[in-house]
Amino acid sequence: MACAAAVPGSFQYGFGLSSINVPQAGICRSLHLAPTSFTWSALVAILSPSGLLGAWLAPVAVSRLGLLRCLRSTSFFFIISGLIFPLAHHVSVSASTATVPLWLFALGRVVGGFGAGAATVFVPLYLGQLAPLHLRGAIGNLHQVAIVLGLLVAQLAGMSLTCPVPGGCPRKDWGKFCESM
């Protein structure tokens, strides 16, 4: 039961890492960006340095707040990040300035990246402390399995949201996949 409570942080990391891959065209349209622009690349890549910062500060947080409290706090970062993204879209529709939604989108990626980086430290640490010695390897692998499941769910969710209703797929290489859904 405790493993099931710890693994969602890893799942959220995988989901956050992959969630903007498939619906890239729609997000770029919403933010008025070219999918091949440097700005889009920076918005995607900003998750990594913020994740590094989260992972770097995680041991300090554990020593001050305790592992269980820190583990629970990672969901806060993912919730805040998830609330910022729709706000960026709403602002992009109604704002006269084009930079505000970009900053909000970047802020969402930074907050999510910080939580993801912290989760990559907290979850394996918690699972390692929780597992009996003879099961430590198997339970420790749950972190990686949850990350991969998060990646998979994000890809499938993105594909289901971007595959249109009758009339064809937005990308030629998805045609057979979309028709089978």
C-alpha atoms as a PDB file:
ATOM      1  CA  MET A   1       0.000   0.000   0.000  1.00  0.00           C
ATOM      2  CA  ALA A   2       2.830   2.405   0.809  1.00  0.00           C
ATOM      3  CA  CYS A   3       4.420   1.663  -2.585  1.00  0.00           C
ATOM      4  CA  ALA A   4       1.186   2.684  -4.284  1.00  0.00           C
ATOM      5  CA  ALA A   5       1.304   5.966  -2.378  1.00  0.00           C
ATOM      6  CA  ALA A   6       4.872   6.718  -3.463  1.00  0.00           C
ATOM      7  CA  VAL A   7       4.755   5.769  -7.125  1.00  0.00           C
ATOM      8  CA  PRO A   8       2.399   8.556  -8.368  1.00  0.00           C
ATOM      9  CA  GLY A   9       5.276  11.036  -8.086  1.00  0.00           C
ATOM     10  CA  SER A  10       7.218   8.979 -10.610  1.00  0.00           C
ATOM     11  CA  PHE A  11       4.152   8.619 -12.818  1.00  0.00           C
ATOM     12  CA  GLN A  12       3.629  12.390 -12.759  1.00  0.00           C
ATOM     13  CA  TYR A  13       7.265  12.886 -13.722  1.00  0.00           C
ATOM     14  CA  GLY A  14       6.879  10.667 -16.793  1.00  0.00           C
ATOM     15  CA  PHE A  15       3.583  12.295 -17.695  1.00  0.00           C
ATOM     16  CA  GLY A  16       4.981  15.819 -17.349  1.00  0.00           C
ATOM     17  CA  LEU A  17       8.037  14.934 -19.367  1.00  0.00           C
ATOM     18  CA  SER A  18       6.024  13.654 -22.307  1.00  0.00           C
ATOM     19  CA  SER A  19       2.710  15.479 -22.151  1.00  0.00           C
ATOM     20  CA  ILE A  20       3.505  18.222 -24.674  1.00  0.00           C
ATOM     21  CA  ASN A  21       5.107  15.992 -27.311  1.00  0.00           C
ATOM     22  CA  VAL A  22       2.049  14.817 -29.207  1.00  0.00           C
ATOM     23  CA  PRO A  23      -0.174  17.931 -29.023  1.00  0.00           C
ATOM     24  CA  GLN A  24       2.759  20.162 -30.011  1.00  0.00           C
ATOM     25  CA  ALA A  25       1.007  21.612 -33.068  1.00  0.00           C
ATOM     26  CA  GLY A  26      -2.067  22.636 -31.070  1.00  0.00           C
ATOM     27  CA  ILE A  27      -0.018  24.132 -28.266  1.00  0.00           C
ATOM     28  CA  CYS A  28       2.144  26.061 -30.717  1.00  0.00           C
ATOM     29  CA  ARG A  29      -0.981  27.347 -32.449  1.00  0.00           C
ATOM     30  CA  SER A  30      -2.416  28.430 -29.109  1.00  0.00           C
ATOM     31  CA  LEU A  31       0.787  30.253 -28.159  1.00  0.00           C
ATOM     32  CA  HIS A  32       1.254  31.667 -31.676  1.00  0.00           C
ATOM     33  CA  LEU A  33       4.612  29.925 -32.137  1.00  0.00           C
ATOM     34  CA  ALA A  34       6.199  28.039 -34.986  1.00  0.00           C
ATOM     35  CA  PRO A  35       6.815  24.409 -33.943  1.00  0.00           C
ATOM     36  CA  THR A  36      10.429  24.711 -35.079  1.00  0.00           C
ATOM     37  CA  SER A  37      11.139  28.026 -33.346  1.00  0.00           C
ATOM     38  CA  PHE A  38      13.823  28.557 -30.740  1.00  0.00           C
ATOM     39  CA  THR A  39      11.164  29.807 -28.313  1.00  0.00           C
ATOM     40  CA  TRP A  40       9.276  26.512 -28.504  1.00  0.00           C
ATOM     41  CA  SER A  41      12.504  24.580 -28.014  1.00  0.00           C
ATOM     42  CA  ALA A  42      13.315  26.666 -24.942  1.00  0.00           C
ATOM     43  CA  LEU A  43       9.820  26.142 -23.516  1.00  0.00           C
ATOM     44  CA  VAL A  44      10.177  22.383 -23.916  1.00  0.00           C
ATOM     45  CA  ALA A  45      13.747  22.233 -22.620  1.00  0.00           C
ATOM     46  CA  ILE A  46      13.186  24.406 -19.541  1.00  0.00           C
ATOM     47  CA  LEU A  47      11.847  21.353 -17.709  1.00  0.00           C
ATOM     48  CA  SER A  48      15.350  19.859 -17.496  1.00  0.00           C
ATOM     49  CA  PRO A  49      17.209  22.637 -15.625  1.00  0.00           C
ATOM     50  CA  SER A  50      14.270  23.114 -13.274  1.00  0.00           C
ATOM     51  CA  GLY A  51      14.227  19.347 -12.663  1.00  0.00           C
ATOM     52  CA  LEU A  52      17.945  19.503 -11.937  1.00  0.00           C
ATOM     53  CA  LEU A  53      17.307  22.258  -9.406  1.00  0.00           C
ATOM     54  CA  GLY A  54      14.528  20.210  -7.785  1.00  0.00           C
ATOM     55  CA  ALA A  55      16.770  17.156  -7.538  1.00  0.00           C
ATOM     56  CA  TRP A  56      19.653  19.246  -6.242  1.00  0.00           C
ATOM     57  CA  LEU A  57      17.563  20.820  -3.453  1.00  0.00           C
ATOM     58  CA  ALA A  58      15.757  17.583  -2.542  1.00  0.00           C
ATOM     59  CA  PRO A  59      18.326  16.316   0.007  1.00  0.00           C
ATOM     60  CA  VAL A  60      18.170  19.639   1.863  1.00  0.00           C
ATOM     61  CA  ALA A  61      14.381  19.434   1.960  1.00  0.00           C
ATOM     62  CA  VAL A  62      14.474  15.845   3.247  1.00  0.00           C
ATOM     63  CA  SER A  63      16.857  16.754   6.052  1.00  0.00           C
ATOM     64  CA  ARG A  64      14.669  19.678   7.144  1.00  0.00           C
ATOM     65  CA  LEU A  65      11.138  18.412   6.516  1.00  0.00           C
ATOM     66  CA  GLY A  66      11.418  14.624   6.478  1.00  0.00           C
ATOM     67  CA  LEU A  67      11.014  12.236   3.583  1.00  0.00           C
ATOM     68  CA  LEU A  68       7.275  11.587   3.858  1.00  0.00           C
ATOM     69  CA  ARG A  69       6.339  15.263   3.951  1.00  0.00           C
ATOM     70  CA  CYS A  70       8.627  15.955   0.982  1.00  0.00           C
ATOM     71  CA  LEU A  71       7.180  13.040  -0.956  1.00  0.00           C
ATOM     72  CA  ARG A  72       3.680  14.397  -0.453  1.00  0.00           C
ATOM     73  CA  SER A  73       4.763  17.887  -1.492  1.00  0.00           C
ATOM     74  CA  THR A  74       5.685  16.812  -5.028  1.00  0.00           C
ATOM     75  CA  SER A  75       2.013  16.502  -5.946  1.00  0.00           C
ATOM     76  CA  PHE A  76       1.585  20.167  -5.014  1.00  0.00           C
ATOM     77  CA  PHE A  77       4.067  21.152  -7.738  1.00  0.00           C
ATOM     78  CA  PHE A  78       2.276  19.054 -10.345  1.00  0.00           C
ATOM     79  CA  ILE A  79      -1.129  20.473  -9.380  1.00  0.00           C
ATOM     80  CA  ILE A  80       0.119  24.063  -9.562  1.00  0.00           C
ATOM     81  CA  SER A  81       1.789  23.330 -12.891  1.00  0.00           C
ATOM     82  CA  GLY A  82      -1.422  21.798 -14.217  1.00  0.00           C
ATOM     83  CA  LEU A  83      -3.371  24.906 -13.209  1.00  0.00           C
ATOM     84  CA  ILE A  84      -0.937  27.285 -14.905  1.00  0.00           C
ATOM     85  CA  PHE A  85      -1.148  25.705 -18.382  1.00  0.00           C
ATOM     86  CA  PRO A  86      -4.856  26.404 -19.023  1.00  0.00           C
ATOM     87  CA  LEU A  87      -4.286  29.913 -17.692  1.00  0.00           C
ATOM     88  CA  ALA A  88      -1.583  30.411 -20.339  1.00  0.00           C
ATOM     89  CA  HIS A  89      -4.052  29.373 -23.038  1.00  0.00           C
ATOM     90  CA  HIS A  90      -6.790  31.616 -21.644  1.00  0.00           C
ATOM     91  CA  VAL A  91      -4.425  34.588 -21.523  1.00  0.00           C
ATOM     92  CA  SER A  92      -3.176  33.896 -25.056  1.00  0.00           C
ATOM     93  CA  VAL A  93      -6.742  34.116 -26.350  1.00  0.00           C
ATOM     94  CA  SER A  94      -7.591  37.327 -24.532  1.00  0.00           C
ATOM     95  CA  ALA A  95      -4.295  39.213 -24.154  1.00  0.00           C
ATOM     96  CA  SER A  96      -2.967  41.778 -26.546  1.00  0.00           C
ATOM     97  CA  THR A  97       0.632  41.012 -25.641  1.00  0.00           C
ATOM     98  CA  ALA A  98       2.108  37.746 -26.870  1.00  0.00           C
ATOM     99  CA  THR A  99       4.746  37.335 -24.154  1.00  0.00           C
ATOM    100  CA  VAL A 100       2.414  36.778 -21.174  1.00  0.00           C
ATOM    101  CA  PRO A 101       1.222  33.293 -22.240  1.00  0.00           C
ATOM    102  CA  LEU A 102       4.791  32.295 -23.052  1.00  0.00           C
ATOM    103  CA  TRP A 103       5.925  33.279 -19.561  1.00  0.00           C
ATOM    104  CA  LEU A 104       2.990  31.444 -18.003  1.00  0.00           C
ATOM    105  CA  PHE A 105       3.735  28.330 -20.057  1.00  0.00           C
ATOM    106  CA  ALA A 106       7.399  28.542 -19.058  1.00  0.00           C
ATOM    107  CA  LEU A 107       6.384  28.985 -15.409  1.00  0.00           C
ATOM    108  CA  GLY A 108       4.206  25.867 -15.630  1.00  0.00           C
ATOM    109  CA  ARG A 109       7.117  23.904 -17.066  1.00  0.00           C
ATOM    110  CA  VAL A 110       9.500  25.208 -14.387  1.00  0.00           C
ATOM    111  CA  VAL A 111       7.126  24.386 -11.514  1.00  0.00           C
ATOM    112  CA  GLY A 112       6.413  20.927 -12.954  1.00  0.00           C
ATOM    113  CA  GLY A 113      10.110  20.344 -13.610  1.00  0.00           C
ATOM    114  CA  PHE A 114      11.011  21.273 -10.047  1.00  0.00           C
ATOM    115  CA  GLY A 115       8.459  18.792  -8.715  1.00  0.00           C
ATOM    116  CA  ALA A 116       9.631  16.138 -11.175  1.00  0.00           C
ATOM    117  CA  GLY A 117      13.255  16.562 -10.163  1.00  0.00           C
ATOM    118  CA  ALA A 118      12.346  16.301  -6.500  1.00  0.00           C
ATOM    119  CA  ALA A 119      10.219  13.200  -7.184  1.00  0.00           C
ATOM    120  CA  THR A 120      13.175  11.477  -8.851  1.00  0.00           C
ATOM    121  CA  VAL A 121      15.001  11.764  -5.540  1.00  0.00           C
ATOM    122  CA  PHE A 122      12.181  11.219  -3.052  1.00  0.00           C
ATOM    123  CA  VAL A 123      10.464   8.191  -4.603  1.00  0.00           C
ATOM    124  CA  PRO A 124      13.501   5.878  -4.949  1.00  0.00           C
ATOM    125  CA  LEU A 125      14.691   6.925  -1.500  1.00  0.00           C
ATOM    126  CA  TYR A 126      11.310   6.134   0.028  1.00  0.00           C
ATOM    127  CA  LEU A 127      10.957   2.842  -1.838  1.00  0.00           C
ATOM    128  CA  GLY A 128      14.469   1.814  -0.791  1.00  0.00           C
ATOM    129  CA  GLN A 129      13.700   2.496   2.868  1.00  0.00           C
ATOM    130  CA  LEU A 130      10.339   0.788   2.670  1.00  0.00           C
ATOM    131  CA  ALA A 131      11.320  -2.437   0.908  1.00  0.00           C
ATOM    132  CA  PRO A 132      12.452  -5.555   2.739  1.00  0.00           C
ATOM    133  CA  LEU A 133      15.965  -6.582   1.770  1.00  0.00           C
ATOM    134  CA  HIS A 134      14.949  -9.557  -0.362  1.00  0.00           C
ATOM    135  CA  LEU A 135      12.488  -7.408  -2.403  1.00  0.00           C
ATOM    136  CA  ARG A 136      14.524  -4.206  -2.600  1.00  0.00           C
ATOM    137  CA  GLY A 137      15.454  -4.583  -6.284  1.00  0.00           C
ATOM    138  CA  ALA A 138      11.936  -5.385  -7.424  1.00  0.00           C
ATOM    139  CA  ILE A 139      10.341  -2.590  -5.430  1.00  0.00           C
ATOM    140  CA  GLY A 140      13.064  -0.153  -6.444  1.00  0.00           C
ATOM    141  CA  ASN A 141      12.178  -0.808 -10.094  1.00  0.00           C
ATOM    142  CA  LEU A 142       8.639   0.441  -9.496  1.00  0.00           C
ATOM    143  CA  HIS A 143      10.013   3.979  -9.851  1.00  0.00           C
ATOM    144  CA  GLN A 144      11.189   3.298 -13.414  1.00  0.00           C
ATOM    145  CA  VAL A 145       8.028   1.398 -14.329  1.00  0.00           C
ATOM    146  CA  ALA A 146       5.875   4.293 -13.126  1.00  0.00           C
ATOM    147  CA  ILE A 147       7.916   6.777 -15.182  1.00  0.00           C
ATOM    148  CA  VAL A 148       7.458   4.668 -18.318  1.00  0.00           C
ATOM    149  CA  LEU A 149       3.727   4.289 -17.626  1.00  0.00           C
ATOM    150  CA  GLY A 150       3.482   8.077 -17.230  1.00  0.00           C
ATOM    151  CA  LEU A 151       5.211   8.527 -20.588  1.00  0.00           C
ATOM    152  CA  LEU A 152       2.862   6.018 -22.208  1.00  0.00           C
ATOM    153  CA  VAL A 153      -0.312   7.542 -20.762  1.00  0.00           C
ATOM    154  CA  ALA A 154       0.781  11.041 -21.814  1.00  0.00           C
ATOM    155  CA  GLN A 155       1.448   9.856 -25.358  1.00  0.00           C
ATOM    156  CA  LEU A 156      -1.894   8.056 -25.588  1.00  0.00           C
ATOM    157  CA  ALA A 157      -3.774  10.990 -24.078  1.00  0.00           C
ATOM    158  CA  GLY A 158      -2.091  13.370 -26.488  1.00  0.00           C
ATOM    159  CA  MET A 159      -2.917  11.163 -29.446  1.00  0.00           C
ATOM    160  CA  SER A 160      -6.544  10.819 -28.398  1.00  0.00           C
ATOM    161  CA  LEU A 161      -6.827  14.586 -28.066  1.00  0.00           C
ATOM    162  CA  THR A 162      -5.140  15.391 -31.365  1.00  0.00           C
ATOM    163  CA  CYS A 163      -6.754  12.696 -33.518  1.00  0.00           C
ATOM    164  CA  PRO A 164      -9.656  14.529 -35.059  1.00  0.00           C
ATOM    165  CA  VAL A 165     -13.173  13.448 -35.629  1.00  0.00           C
ATOM    166  CA  PRO A 166     -13.822  12.128 -39.136  1.00  0.00           C
ATOM    167  CA  GLY A 167     -11.782  13.908 -41.738  1.00  0.00           C
ATOM    168  CA  GLY A 168      -8.252  12.653 -41.264  1.00  0.00           C
ATOM    169  CA  CYS A 169      -5.379  12.906 -38.864  1.00  0.00           C
ATOM    170  CA  PRO A 170      -3.324  16.068 -38.447  1.00  0.00           C
ATOM    171  CA  ARG A 171      -0.178  14.085 -39.242  1.00  0.00           C
ATOM    172  CA  LYS A 172       0.095  11.672 -42.135  1.00  0.00           C
ATOM    173  CA  ASP A 173       1.971   9.022 -40.139  1.00  0.00           C
ATOM    174  CA  TRP A 174      -0.867   8.715 -37.591  1.00  0.00           C
ATOM    175  CA  GLY A 175      -3.553   7.904 -40.103  1.00  0.00           C
ATOM    176  CA  LYS A 176      -3.673   4.172 -39.435  1.00  0.00           C
ATOM    177  CA  PHE A 177      -3.454   4.646 -35.675  1.00  0.00           C
ATOM    178  CA  CYS A 178      -6.249   7.230 -35.621  1.00  0.00           C
ATOM    179  CA  GLU A 179      -8.475   5.077 -37.809  1.00  0.00           C
ATOM    180  CA  SER A 180      -8.076   2.172 -35.395  1.00  0.00           C
ATOM    181  CA  MET A 181      -9.147   4.234 -32.390  1.00  0.00           C
END
